[in-house]
């Protein structure tokens, strides 16, 4: 049976000399794997250019309820990116966000709120004229709302240590090593509660090393709350862009 759905490209794996398996997060069916034949041929109906990281698609698909590899009848871009492919900061952010999404969003069922959040976030990034250098950090924090472990925003001068295991701010460092201490915890709070102050890079200056540490802490937070999250490597690309 044919279905129309929007999709977001998460991952592409070679299947044969000319075919690939594309892992796509769909609006109607959650994460699905699609076998696409002949995508590497010059006369391919579905071009490989449509399968770039986090590409936004309009699709007509065949769907089998029993799972396994699915098929695509038609695919076209929902939005042609105008800046992401040509902006080194945006494209490196997309690679990082893509890897996080691929390793954290697994469900093979519809989740309209999560799909809309990801879809509109990617579109917003492409449309931004002045790139917010903390866009990916805000994305990581906001994504936790939809994954079920959004931080408790109870930061104050007396509760300034964020416990990564418990997901809340404490008055003192916990017995385990999974926490964010001041002054980094203040920058983290500005991601959790942006209405409390200016953007993180406009507040008391955050150094490149602090930003690097904040990403590492956020990835640790994900690993503590998502089974099988695994290691992330594309943040190293961002570090190179910063330097």
C-alpha atoms as a PDB file:
ATOM      1  CA  UNK A   1       0.000   0.000   0.000  1.00  0.00           C
ATOM      2  CA  UNK A   2       1.279   3.476  -0.898  1.00  0.00           C
ATOM      3  CA  UNK A   3       1.585   6.270   1.663  1.00  0.00           C
ATOM      4  CA  UNK A   4       2.655   9.908   1.456  1.00  0.00           C
ATOM      5  CA  UNK A   5       4.989  11.058   4.196  1.00  0.00           C
ATOM      6  CA  UNK A   6       7.667  13.596   4.938  1.00  0.00           C
ATOM      7  CA  UNK A   7      11.085  12.276   5.864  1.00  0.00           C
ATOM      8  CA  UNK A   8      14.449  13.294   7.314  1.00  0.00           C
ATOM      9  CA  UNK A   9      17.590  11.438   6.198  1.00  0.00           C
ATOM     10  CA  UNK A  10      19.519   9.968   9.131  1.00  0.00           C
ATOM     11  CA  UNK A  11      22.015   7.559   7.577  1.00  0.00           C
ATOM     12  CA  UNK A  12      22.941   5.920   4.266  1.00  0.00           C
ATOM     13  CA  UNK A  13      24.779   2.593   3.935  1.00  0.00           C
ATOM     14  CA  UNK A  14      26.029   1.059   0.642  1.00  0.00           C
ATOM     15  CA  UNK A  15      24.109  -2.113  -0.184  1.00  0.00           C
ATOM     16  CA  UNK A  16      25.596  -3.103  -3.518  1.00  0.00           C
ATOM     17  CA  UNK A  17      27.595  -1.473  -6.293  1.00  0.00           C
ATOM     18  CA  UNK A  18      24.713   0.822  -7.209  1.00  0.00           C
ATOM     19  CA  UNK A  19      22.225   0.514  -4.328  1.00  0.00           C
ATOM     20  CA  UNK A  20      21.997   1.842  -0.767  1.00  0.00           C
ATOM     21  CA  UNK A  21      19.953   1.373   2.376  1.00  0.00           C
ATOM     22  CA  UNK A  22      18.737   4.727   3.681  1.00  0.00           C
ATOM     23  CA  UNK A  23      17.703   5.106   7.305  1.00  0.00           C
ATOM     24  CA  UNK A  24      15.023   7.802   7.216  1.00  0.00           C
ATOM     25  CA  UNK A  25      12.945   9.275  10.034  1.00  0.00           C
ATOM     26  CA  UNK A  26       9.420   9.505   8.619  1.00  0.00           C
ATOM     27  CA  UNK A  27       6.446  11.487   9.808  1.00  0.00           C
ATOM     28  CA  UNK A  28       4.066   8.538   9.420  1.00  0.00           C
ATOM     29  CA  UNK A  29       6.126   5.526  10.491  1.00  0.00           C
ATOM     30  CA  UNK A  30       9.062   6.712  12.578  1.00  0.00           C
ATOM     31  CA  UNK A  31      12.516   5.433  11.672  1.00  0.00           C
ATOM     32  CA  UNK A  32      12.475   3.107   8.655  1.00  0.00           C
ATOM     33  CA  UNK A  33      15.119   1.495   6.446  1.00  0.00           C
ATOM     34  CA  UNK A  34      14.579   1.866   2.688  1.00  0.00           C
ATOM     35  CA  UNK A  35      16.347  -0.122  -0.005  1.00  0.00           C
ATOM     36  CA  UNK A  36      16.994   2.203  -2.949  1.00  0.00           C
ATOM     37  CA  UNK A  37      18.221   0.452  -6.083  1.00  0.00           C
ATOM     38  CA  UNK A  38      20.428   2.062  -8.696  1.00  0.00           C
ATOM     39  CA  UNK A  39      20.880   5.304  -6.782  1.00  0.00           C
ATOM     40  CA  UNK A  40      24.477   5.530  -7.998  1.00  0.00           C
ATOM     41  CA  UNK A  41      23.581   5.199 -11.666  1.00  0.00           C
ATOM     42  CA  UNK A  42      23.643   8.308 -13.840  1.00  0.00           C
ATOM     43  CA  UNK A  43      20.042   7.663 -14.907  1.00  0.00           C
ATOM     44  CA  UNK A  44      18.805   6.912 -11.395  1.00  0.00           C
ATOM     45  CA  UNK A  45      15.248   8.012 -10.634  1.00  0.00           C
ATOM     46  CA  UNK A  46      16.272   8.825  -7.064  1.00  0.00           C
ATOM     47  CA  UNK A  47      19.554  10.762  -7.029  1.00  0.00           C
ATOM     48  CA  UNK A  48      22.142  10.336  -4.289  1.00  0.00           C
ATOM     49  CA  UNK A  49      22.088  14.106  -3.759  1.00  0.00           C
ATOM     50  CA  UNK A  50      18.672  13.722  -2.090  1.00  0.00           C
ATOM     51  CA  UNK A  51      20.213  11.555   0.625  1.00  0.00           C
ATOM     52  CA  UNK A  52      22.547  14.045   2.275  1.00  0.00           C
ATOM     53  CA  UNK A  53      22.540  14.251   6.114  1.00  0.00           C
ATOM     54  CA  UNK A  54      19.251  15.627   7.469  1.00  0.00           C
ATOM     55  CA  UNK A  55      17.818  16.335   4.014  1.00  0.00           C
ATOM     56  CA  UNK A  56      14.096  17.157   4.247  1.00  0.00           C
ATOM     57  CA  UNK A  57      12.016  15.050   1.873  1.00  0.00           C
ATOM     58  CA  UNK A  58       8.532  14.495   0.500  1.00  0.00           C
ATOM     59  CA  UNK A  59       8.094  10.772  -0.146  1.00  0.00           C
ATOM     60  CA  UNK A  60       5.656   8.216  -1.511  1.00  0.00           C
ATOM     61  CA  UNK A  61       6.504   4.878   0.068  1.00  0.00           C
ATOM     62  CA  UNK A  62       5.401   1.279   0.238  1.00  0.00           C
ATOM     63  CA  UNK A  63       5.002   0.217   3.864  1.00  0.00           C
ATOM     64  CA  UNK A  64       5.020  -3.314   5.289  1.00  0.00           C
ATOM     65  CA  UNK A  65       3.753  -3.532   8.851  1.00  0.00           C
ATOM     66  CA  UNK A  66       6.000  -6.512   9.569  1.00  0.00           C
ATOM     67  CA  UNK A  67       9.071  -4.305   9.181  1.00  0.00           C
ATOM     68  CA  UNK A  68      12.295  -5.102   7.369  1.00  0.00           C
ATOM     69  CA  UNK A  69      13.548  -3.202   4.352  1.00  0.00           C
ATOM     70  CA  UNK A  70      10.925  -0.884   2.876  1.00  0.00           C
ATOM     71  CA  UNK A  71      10.650   0.579  -0.627  1.00  0.00           C
ATOM     72  CA  UNK A  72      10.246   4.097  -2.005  1.00  0.00           C
ATOM     73  CA  UNK A  73       8.153   4.900  -5.062  1.00  0.00           C
ATOM     74  CA  UNK A  74       8.837   8.629  -5.250  1.00  0.00           C
ATOM     75  CA  UNK A  75      11.107  11.084  -3.463  1.00  0.00           C
ATOM     76  CA  UNK A  76      11.703  14.798  -3.891  1.00  0.00           C
ATOM     77  CA  UNK A  77      13.158  17.553  -1.705  1.00  0.00           C
ATOM     78  CA  UNK A  78      10.655  19.228   0.567  1.00  0.00           C
ATOM     79  CA  UNK A  79      13.128  22.089   0.862  1.00  0.00           C
ATOM     80  CA  UNK A  80      16.242  22.822  -1.161  1.00  0.00           C
ATOM     81  CA  UNK A  81      18.905  23.939   1.298  1.00  0.00           C
ATOM     82  CA  UNK A  82      20.196  27.387   0.386  1.00  0.00           C
ATOM     83  CA  UNK A  83      22.931  27.844   3.002  1.00  0.00           C
ATOM     84  CA  UNK A  84      23.770  24.598   4.844  1.00  0.00           C
ATOM     85  CA  UNK A  85      25.854  23.036   2.023  1.00  0.00           C
ATOM     86  CA  UNK A  86      27.814  26.281   1.531  1.00  0.00           C
ATOM     87  CA  UNK A  87      28.434  27.333   5.146  1.00  0.00           C
ATOM     88  CA  UNK A  88      31.200  25.371   6.881  1.00  0.00           C
ATOM     89  CA  UNK A  89      29.836  26.089  10.374  1.00  0.00           C
ATOM     90  CA  UNK A  90      26.270  25.096   9.478  1.00  0.00           C
ATOM     91  CA  UNK A  91      27.347  21.966   7.604  1.00  0.00           C
ATOM     92  CA  UNK A  92      29.536  20.847  10.514  1.00  0.00           C
ATOM     93  CA  UNK A  93      26.632  21.460  12.906  1.00  0.00           C
ATOM     94  CA  UNK A  94      24.394  19.340  10.698  1.00  0.00           C
ATOM     95  CA  UNK A  95      26.893  16.454  10.733  1.00  0.00           C
ATOM     96  CA  UNK A  96      27.012  16.613  14.519  1.00  0.00           C
ATOM     97  CA  UNK A  97      23.238  16.903  14.986  1.00  0.00           C
ATOM     98  CA  UNK A  98      22.727  14.110  12.467  1.00  0.00           C
ATOM     99  CA  UNK A  99      24.984  11.717  14.360  1.00  0.00           C
ATOM    100  CA  UNK A 100      23.231  12.491  17.655  1.00  0.00           C
ATOM    101  CA  UNK A 101      19.797  11.930  16.091  1.00  0.00           C
ATOM    102  CA  UNK A 102      20.856   8.697  14.397  1.00  0.00           C
ATOM    103  CA  UNK A 103      22.047   7.292  17.713  1.00  0.00           C
ATOM    104  CA  UNK A 104      19.192   8.567  19.871  1.00  0.00           C
ATOM    105  CA  UNK A 105      15.983   8.334  17.788  1.00  0.00           C
ATOM    106  CA  UNK A 106      15.170   4.685  17.159  1.00  0.00           C
ATOM    107  CA  UNK A 107      11.415   4.152  17.407  1.00  0.00           C
ATOM    108  CA  UNK A 108       9.633   2.705  14.392  1.00  0.00           C
ATOM    109  CA  UNK A 109       6.393   4.541  15.060  1.00  0.00           C
ATOM    110  CA  UNK A 110       5.049   8.030  14.503  1.00  0.00           C
ATOM    111  CA  UNK A 111       5.899  10.800  16.969  1.00  0.00           C
ATOM    112  CA  UNK A 112       4.478  13.991  15.523  1.00  0.00           C
ATOM    113  CA  UNK A 113       5.904  16.350  18.136  1.00  0.00           C
ATOM    114  CA  UNK A 114       9.443  14.987  17.774  1.00  0.00           C
ATOM    115  CA  UNK A 115       9.258  14.936  13.978  1.00  0.00           C
ATOM    116  CA  UNK A 116       8.020  18.533  13.816  1.00  0.00           C
ATOM    117  CA  UNK A 117      10.731  19.697  16.211  1.00  0.00           C
ATOM    118  CA  UNK A 118      13.537  18.155  14.134  1.00  0.00           C
ATOM    119  CA  UNK A 119      12.022  19.202  10.795  1.00  0.00           C
ATOM    120  CA  UNK A 120      11.483  22.833  11.780  1.00  0.00           C
ATOM    121  CA  UNK A 121      14.868  23.071  13.521  1.00  0.00           C
ATOM    122  CA  UNK A 122      16.726  22.008  10.367  1.00  0.00           C
ATOM    123  CA  UNK A 123      14.683  24.406   8.256  1.00  0.00           C
ATOM    124  CA  UNK A 124      15.385  27.226  10.731  1.00  0.00           C
ATOM    125  CA  UNK A 125      19.132  26.537  10.608  1.00  0.00           C
ATOM    126  CA  UNK A 126      19.147  26.760   6.825  1.00  0.00           C
ATOM    127  CA  UNK A 127      17.177  30.027   6.854  1.00  0.00           C
ATOM    128  CA  UNK A 128      19.315  31.788   9.482  1.00  0.00           C
ATOM    129  CA  UNK A 129      21.346  34.618   7.969  1.00  0.00           C
ATOM    130  CA  UNK A 130      23.599  35.110  10.990  1.00  0.00           C
ATOM    131  CA  UNK A 131      24.514  31.699  12.313  1.00  0.00           C
ATOM    132  CA  UNK A 132      24.142  31.309  16.059  1.00  0.00           C
ATOM    133  CA  UNK A 133      27.343  29.516  17.044  1.00  0.00           C
ATOM    134  CA  UNK A 134      25.475  27.795  19.892  1.00  0.00           C
ATOM    135  CA  UNK A 135      22.647  26.483  17.712  1.00  0.00           C
ATOM    136  CA  UNK A 136      23.735  22.848  18.083  1.00  0.00           C
ATOM    137  CA  UNK A 137      24.016  23.175  21.873  1.00  0.00           C
ATOM    138  CA  UNK A 138      20.485  24.533  22.177  1.00  0.00           C
ATOM    139  CA  UNK A 139      19.321  21.754  19.858  1.00  0.00           C
ATOM    140  CA  UNK A 140      20.842  19.058  22.088  1.00  0.00           C
ATOM    141  CA  UNK A 141      19.176  20.468  25.197  1.00  0.00           C
ATOM    142  CA  UNK A 142      15.770  20.990  23.550  1.00  0.00           C
ATOM    143  CA  UNK A 143      15.846  17.505  22.004  1.00  0.00           C
ATOM    144  CA  UNK A 144      15.876  15.992  25.503  1.00  0.00           C
ATOM    145  CA  UNK A 145      12.308  17.306  25.978  1.00  0.00           C
ATOM    146  CA  UNK A 146      11.137  14.831  23.348  1.00  0.00           C
ATOM    147  CA  UNK A 147      13.399  12.004  24.473  1.00  0.00           C
ATOM    148  CA  UNK A 148      12.189  12.159  28.065  1.00  0.00           C
ATOM    149  CA  UNK A 149      15.066  13.563  30.117  1.00  0.00           C
ATOM    150  CA  UNK A 150      14.889  17.361  29.915  1.00  0.00           C
ATOM    151  CA  UNK A 151      16.932  18.926  32.746  1.00  0.00           C
ATOM    152  CA  UNK A 152      15.242  20.301  35.832  1.00  0.00           C
ATOM    153  CA  UNK A 153      15.893  24.028  35.486  1.00  0.00           C
ATOM    154  CA  UNK A 154      16.329  24.719  39.197  1.00  0.00           C
ATOM    155  CA  UNK A 155      19.690  26.526  38.956  1.00  0.00           C
ATOM    156  CA  UNK A 156      20.407  29.162  41.605  1.00  0.00           C
ATOM    157  CA  UNK A 157      23.382  30.508  43.537  1.00  0.00           C
ATOM    158  CA  UNK A 158      22.728  27.812  46.151  1.00  0.00           C
ATOM    159  CA  UNK A 159      22.060  24.988  43.646  1.00  0.00           C
ATOM    160  CA  UNK A 160      24.751  25.474  41.027  1.00  0.00           C
ATOM    161  CA  UNK A 161      26.039  21.941  40.369  1.00  0.00           C
ATOM    162  CA  UNK A 162      24.188  19.970  37.705  1.00  0.00           C
ATOM    163  CA  UNK A 163      23.945  16.234  38.410  1.00  0.00           C
ATOM    164  CA  UNK A 164      23.985  14.458  35.037  1.00  0.00           C
ATOM    165  CA  UNK A 165      22.566  11.262  36.504  1.00  0.00           C
ATOM    166  CA  UNK A 166      19.634  12.893  38.303  1.00  0.00           C
ATOM    167  CA  UNK A 167      19.043  15.649  35.735  1.00  0.00           C
ATOM    168  CA  UNK A 168      18.819  18.441  38.305  1.00  0.00           C
ATOM    169  CA  UNK A 169      20.934  21.108  40.019  1.00  0.00           C
ATOM    170  CA  UNK A 170      22.336  20.365  43.493  1.00  0.00           C
ATOM    171  CA  UNK A 171      23.939  22.493  46.240  1.00  0.00           C
ATOM    172  CA  UNK A 172      27.153  20.439  46.173  1.00  0.00           C
ATOM    173  CA  UNK A 173      29.074  18.007  43.999  1.00  0.00           C
ATOM    174  CA  UNK A 174      27.628  14.463  44.097  1.00  0.00           C
ATOM    175  CA  UNK A 175      29.685  11.412  45.068  1.00  0.00           C
ATOM    176  CA  UNK A 176      29.969  10.269  41.445  1.00  0.00           C
ATOM    177  CA  UNK A 177      31.928  12.062  38.648  1.00  0.00           C
ATOM    178  CA  UNK A 178      28.950  12.821  36.382  1.00  0.00           C
ATOM    179  CA  UNK A 179      28.219  16.484  37.016  1.00  0.00           C
ATOM    180  CA  UNK A 180      28.738  20.031  35.697  1.00  0.00           C
ATOM    181  CA  UNK A 181      30.284  22.455  38.205  1.00  0.00           C
ATOM    182  CA  UNK A 182      30.464  26.257  38.105  1.00  0.00           C
ATOM    183  CA  UNK A 183      31.214  28.287  36.083  1.00  0.00           C
ATOM    184  CA  UNK A 184      30.263  25.877  33.276  1.00  0.00           C
ATOM    185  CA  UNK A 185      26.951  25.065  34.966  1.00  0.00           C
ATOM    186  CA  UNK A 186      25.890  28.716  34.519  1.00  0.00           C
ATOM    187  CA  UNK A 187      26.354  28.429  30.751  1.00  0.00           C
ATOM    188  CA  UNK A 188      24.451  25.147  30.816  1.00  0.00           C
ATOM    189  CA  UNK A 189      21.584  26.809  32.688  1.00  0.00           C
ATOM    190  CA  UNK A 190      21.351  29.463  29.960  1.00  0.00           C
ATOM    191  CA  UNK A 191      20.725  26.642  27.465  1.00  0.00           C
ATOM    192  CA  UNK A 192      18.046  25.111  29.682  1.00  0.00           C
ATOM    193  CA  UNK A 193      16.456  28.479  30.558  1.00  0.00           C
ATOM    194  CA  UNK A 194      17.290  30.919  27.720  1.00  0.00           C
ATOM    195  CA  UNK A 195      14.689  33.377  29.005  1.00  0.00           C
ATOM    196  CA  UNK A 196      16.865  34.040  32.061  1.00  0.00           C
ATOM    197  CA  UNK A 197      19.596  35.804  30.182  1.00  0.00           C
ATOM    198  CA  UNK A 198      21.422  36.524  26.991  1.00  0.00           C
ATOM    199  CA  UNK A 199      22.651  33.940  24.540  1.00  0.00           C
ATOM    200  CA  UNK A 200      25.486  31.896  25.886  1.00  0.00           C
ATOM    201  CA  UNK A 201      28.097  33.516  23.646  1.00  0.00           C
ATOM    202  CA  UNK A 202      26.873  36.992  24.593  1.00  0.00           C
ATOM    203  CA  UNK A 203      26.981  36.377  28.334  1.00  0.00           C
ATOM    204  CA  UNK A 204      30.188  36.175  30.333  1.00  0.00           C
ATOM    205  CA  UNK A 205      32.562  34.972  27.654  1.00  0.00           C
ATOM    206  CA  UNK A 206      32.796  31.233  27.213  1.00  0.00           C
ATOM    207  CA  UNK A 207      36.106  29.973  25.903  1.00  0.00           C
ATOM    208  CA  UNK A 208      36.573  27.394  23.171  1.00  0.00           C
ATOM    209  CA  UNK A 209      37.807  24.903  25.749  1.00  0.00           C
ATOM    210  CA  UNK A 210      34.693  25.479  27.884  1.00  0.00           C
ATOM    211  CA  UNK A 211      32.446  25.034  24.872  1.00  0.00           C
ATOM    212  CA  UNK A 212      34.267  21.801  24.062  1.00  0.00           C
ATOM    213  CA  UNK A 213      33.784  20.602  27.643  1.00  0.00           C
ATOM    214  CA  UNK A 214      30.094  21.543  27.562  1.00  0.00           C
ATOM    215  CA  UNK A 215      29.532  19.409  24.474  1.00  0.00           C
ATOM    216  CA  UNK A 216      31.327  16.496  26.152  1.00  0.00           C
ATOM    217  CA  UNK A 217      29.113  16.878  29.226  1.00  0.00           C
ATOM    218  CA  UNK A 218      25.953  16.994  27.112  1.00  0.00           C
ATOM    219  CA  UNK A 219      26.993  13.838  25.266  1.00  0.00           C
ATOM    220  CA  UNK A 220      27.704  12.194  28.613  1.00  0.00           C
ATOM    221  CA  UNK A 221      24.204  13.239  29.729  1.00  0.00           C
ATOM    222  CA  UNK A 222      22.730  11.531  26.665  1.00  0.00           C
ATOM    223  CA  UNK A 223      24.784   8.363  27.244  1.00  0.00           C
ATOM    224  CA  UNK A 224      23.580   8.163  30.859  1.00  0.00           C
ATOM    225  CA  UNK A 225      19.910   8.380  29.845  1.00  0.00           C
ATOM    226  CA  UNK A 226      19.785   6.511  26.520  1.00  0.00           C
ATOM    227  CA  UNK A 227      20.660   2.828  26.376  1.00  0.00           C
ATOM    228  CA  UNK A 228      23.111   2.052  23.580  1.00  0.00           C
ATOM    229  CA  UNK A 229      23.757   5.695  22.698  1.00  0.00           C
ATOM    230  CA  UNK A 230      27.435   5.003  22.010  1.00  0.00           C
ATOM    231  CA  UNK A 231      30.224   7.400  21.171  1.00  0.00           C
ATOM    232  CA  UNK A 232      29.898  10.541  19.044  1.00  0.00           C
ATOM    233  CA  UNK A 233      32.797  11.586  16.825  1.00  0.00           C
ATOM    234  CA  UNK A 234      31.549  14.442  14.622  1.00  0.00           C
ATOM    235  CA  UNK A 235      31.961  16.986  17.443  1.00  0.00           C
ATOM    236  CA  UNK A 236      35.666  16.889  16.553  1.00  0.00           C
ATOM    237  CA  UNK A 237      34.778  18.488  13.212  1.00  0.00           C
ATOM    238  CA  UNK A 238      33.116  21.363  15.080  1.00  0.00           C
ATOM    239  CA  UNK A 239      36.206  21.791  17.229  1.00  0.00           C
ATOM    240  CA  UNK A 240      38.303  22.192  14.101  1.00  0.00           C
ATOM    241  CA  UNK A 241      35.917  24.855  12.789  1.00  0.00           C
ATOM    242  CA  UNK A 242      36.131  26.776  16.084  1.00  0.00           C
ATOM    243  CA  UNK A 243      39.910  26.645  16.099  1.00  0.00           C
END
